[in-house]
Structures are given as C-alpha cells and as structure tokens.
Amino acid sequence: MDHDSHMCVETEVSDPVSAESWQELLAVLETGDSFGLAVTANGGRIAWVAISKNASGTAGAVPGHTHQL
C-alpha cells in the first residue's frame, strides 16, 4: 500500500511456520521503520512492514501509520 509518507508491505504467514522461516521473516521486517503481526477475523496471520519515504528519516515508528485489515 502506498501512503503519503510511507509504503506498507503485507504478507500472509502460513500455519504452521518453521523456526527458520520465522527468523528469515523477522530479519526482513527489521529492515523497515516499523512492523507487526496482525491476526485476521478468520484466524489467519498477516505480517506487515512500513518503510518511510523520507530518506533523511531515522528508524522508528512511521508517523501516522495505523494498520487495518
């Protein structure tokens, strides 16, 4: 999703998921400015990462970012 100040990328997380896959996913998510895991109404899981478009920004929460499924 393209927002004014940042981009948000989502992916479904399979169930079950191996420890190795969790480690790989976290390594990718940690490269963003903020990230999280949401549980959908039907019990699915969505991992998301927000990346600031401001090149001079520092790591941390993306201002105004709220994640909705």
C-alpha atoms as a PDB file:
ATOM      1  CA  MET A   1       0.000   0.000   0.000  1.00  0.00           C
ATOM      2  CA  ASP A   2       1.270   3.412  -0.936  1.00  0.00           C
ATOM      3  CA  HIS A   3       0.708   6.171   1.636  1.00  0.00           C
ATOM      4  CA  ASP A   4       1.868   9.806   1.502  1.00  0.00           C
ATOM      5  CA  SER A   5       4.759   9.345   3.953  1.00  0.00           C
ATOM      6  CA  HIS A   6       5.466   5.615   3.730  1.00  0.00           C
ATOM      7  CA  MET A   7       4.915   2.308   1.962  1.00  0.00           C
ATOM      8  CA  CYS A   8       3.388  -0.696   3.700  1.00  0.00           C
ATOM      9  CA  VAL A   9       4.036  -4.249   2.523  1.00  0.00           C
ATOM     10  CA  GLU A  10       1.996  -7.205   3.788  1.00  0.00           C
ATOM     11  CA  THR A  11       2.334 -10.971   3.510  1.00  0.00           C
ATOM     12  CA  GLU A  12       0.311 -13.892   4.779  1.00  0.00           C
ATOM     13  CA  VAL A  13       2.105 -16.068   7.328  1.00  0.00           C
ATOM     14  CA  SER A  14       1.432 -19.779   6.916  1.00  0.00           C
ATOM     15  CA  ASP A  15       0.413 -22.026   9.780  1.00  0.00           C
ATOM     16  CA  PRO A  16       2.430 -23.870  10.851  1.00  0.00           C
ATOM     17  CA  VAL A  17       5.629 -21.973  10.206  1.00  0.00           C
ATOM     18  CA  SER A  18       9.120 -23.286  10.901  1.00  0.00           C
ATOM     19  CA  ALA A  19      11.540 -21.574  13.279  1.00  0.00           C
ATOM     20  CA  GLU A  20      13.862 -20.948  10.316  1.00  0.00           C
ATOM     21  CA  SER A  21      11.079 -19.229   8.366  1.00  0.00           C
ATOM     22  CA  TRP A  22      10.209 -17.031  11.391  1.00  0.00           C
ATOM     23  CA  GLN A  23      13.858 -15.979  11.665  1.00  0.00           C
ATOM     24  CA  GLU A  24      14.019 -15.119   7.962  1.00  0.00           C
ATOM     25  CA  LEU A  25      10.759 -13.148   8.151  1.00  0.00           C
ATOM     26  CA  LEU A  26      11.927 -11.184  11.202  1.00  0.00           C
ATOM     27  CA  ALA A  27      15.233 -10.372   9.508  1.00  0.00           C
ATOM     28  CA  VAL A  28      13.314  -8.819   6.601  1.00  0.00           C
ATOM     29  CA  LEU A  29      10.798  -6.997   8.828  1.00  0.00           C
ATOM     30  CA  GLU A  30      13.550  -5.467  10.949  1.00  0.00           C
ATOM     31  CA  THR A  31      14.851  -3.593   7.892  1.00  0.00           C
ATOM     32  CA  GLY A  32      11.712  -1.409   7.919  1.00  0.00           C
ATOM     33  CA  ASP A  33      10.823   1.535  10.141  1.00  0.00           C
ATOM     34  CA  SER A  34       8.024  -0.327  11.911  1.00  0.00           C
ATOM     35  CA  PHE A  35       6.488  -3.768  11.605  1.00  0.00           C
ATOM     36  CA  GLY A  36       3.944  -6.048  13.184  1.00  0.00           C
ATOM     37  CA  LEU A  37       1.805  -9.145  13.010  1.00  0.00           C
ATOM     38  CA  ALA A  38      -1.974  -8.979  12.762  1.00  0.00           C
ATOM     39  CA  VAL A  39      -4.455 -11.790  13.271  1.00  0.00           C
ATOM     40  CA  THR A  40      -7.434 -11.702  10.918  1.00  0.00           C
ATOM     41  CA  ALA A  41     -11.041 -12.412  11.884  1.00  0.00           C
ATOM     42  CA  ASN A  42     -10.753 -15.935  10.437  1.00  0.00           C
ATOM     43  CA  GLY A  43      -7.555 -16.707  12.380  1.00  0.00           C
ATOM     44  CA  GLY A  44      -5.085 -16.009   9.591  1.00  0.00           C
ATOM     45  CA  ARG A  45      -1.892 -14.067  10.213  1.00  0.00           C
ATOM     46  CA  ILE A  46      -0.592 -11.091   8.246  1.00  0.00           C
ATOM     47  CA  ALA A  47       2.938  -9.734   8.773  1.00  0.00           C
ATOM     48  CA  TRP A  48       3.435  -6.115   7.734  1.00  0.00           C
ATOM     49  CA  VAL A  49       6.310  -3.666   7.440  1.00  0.00           C
ATOM     50  CA  ALA A  50       6.173   0.121   6.943  1.00  0.00           C
ATOM     51  CA  ILE A  51       9.033   1.929   5.223  1.00  0.00           C
ATOM     52  CA  SER A  52       9.339   5.716   5.360  1.00  0.00           C
ATOM     53  CA  LYS A  53       9.639   7.589   2.058  1.00  0.00           C
ATOM     54  CA  ASN A  54      11.674  10.290   3.813  1.00  0.00           C
ATOM     55  CA  ALA A  55      15.312   9.444   3.059  1.00  0.00           C
ATOM     56  CA  SER A  56      16.526  11.554   5.996  1.00  0.00           C
ATOM     57  CA  GLY A  57      14.220   9.760   8.458  1.00  0.00           C
ATOM     58  CA  THR A  58      15.516   7.633  11.267  1.00  0.00           C
ATOM     59  CA  ALA A  59      14.385   4.167  12.235  1.00  0.00           C
ATOM     60  CA  GLY A  60      11.323   4.050  14.435  1.00  0.00           C
ATOM     61  CA  ALA A  61       7.592   4.243  14.122  1.00  0.00           C
ATOM     62  CA  VAL A  62       6.244   5.701  10.898  1.00  0.00           C
ATOM     63  CA  PRO A  63       4.223   8.797  11.895  1.00  0.00           C
ATOM     64  CA  GLY A  64       0.517   8.363  11.368  1.00  0.00           C
ATOM     65  CA  HIS A  65       0.759   4.689  10.421  1.00  0.00           C
ATOM     66  CA  THR A  66      -2.158   2.585  11.520  1.00  0.00           C
ATOM     67  CA  HIS A  67      -2.624  -0.892  10.174  1.00  0.00           C
ATOM     68  CA  GLN A  68      -6.105  -2.111   9.347  1.00  0.00           C
ATOM     69  CA  LEU A  69      -7.140  -5.394   7.807  1.00  0.00           C
END
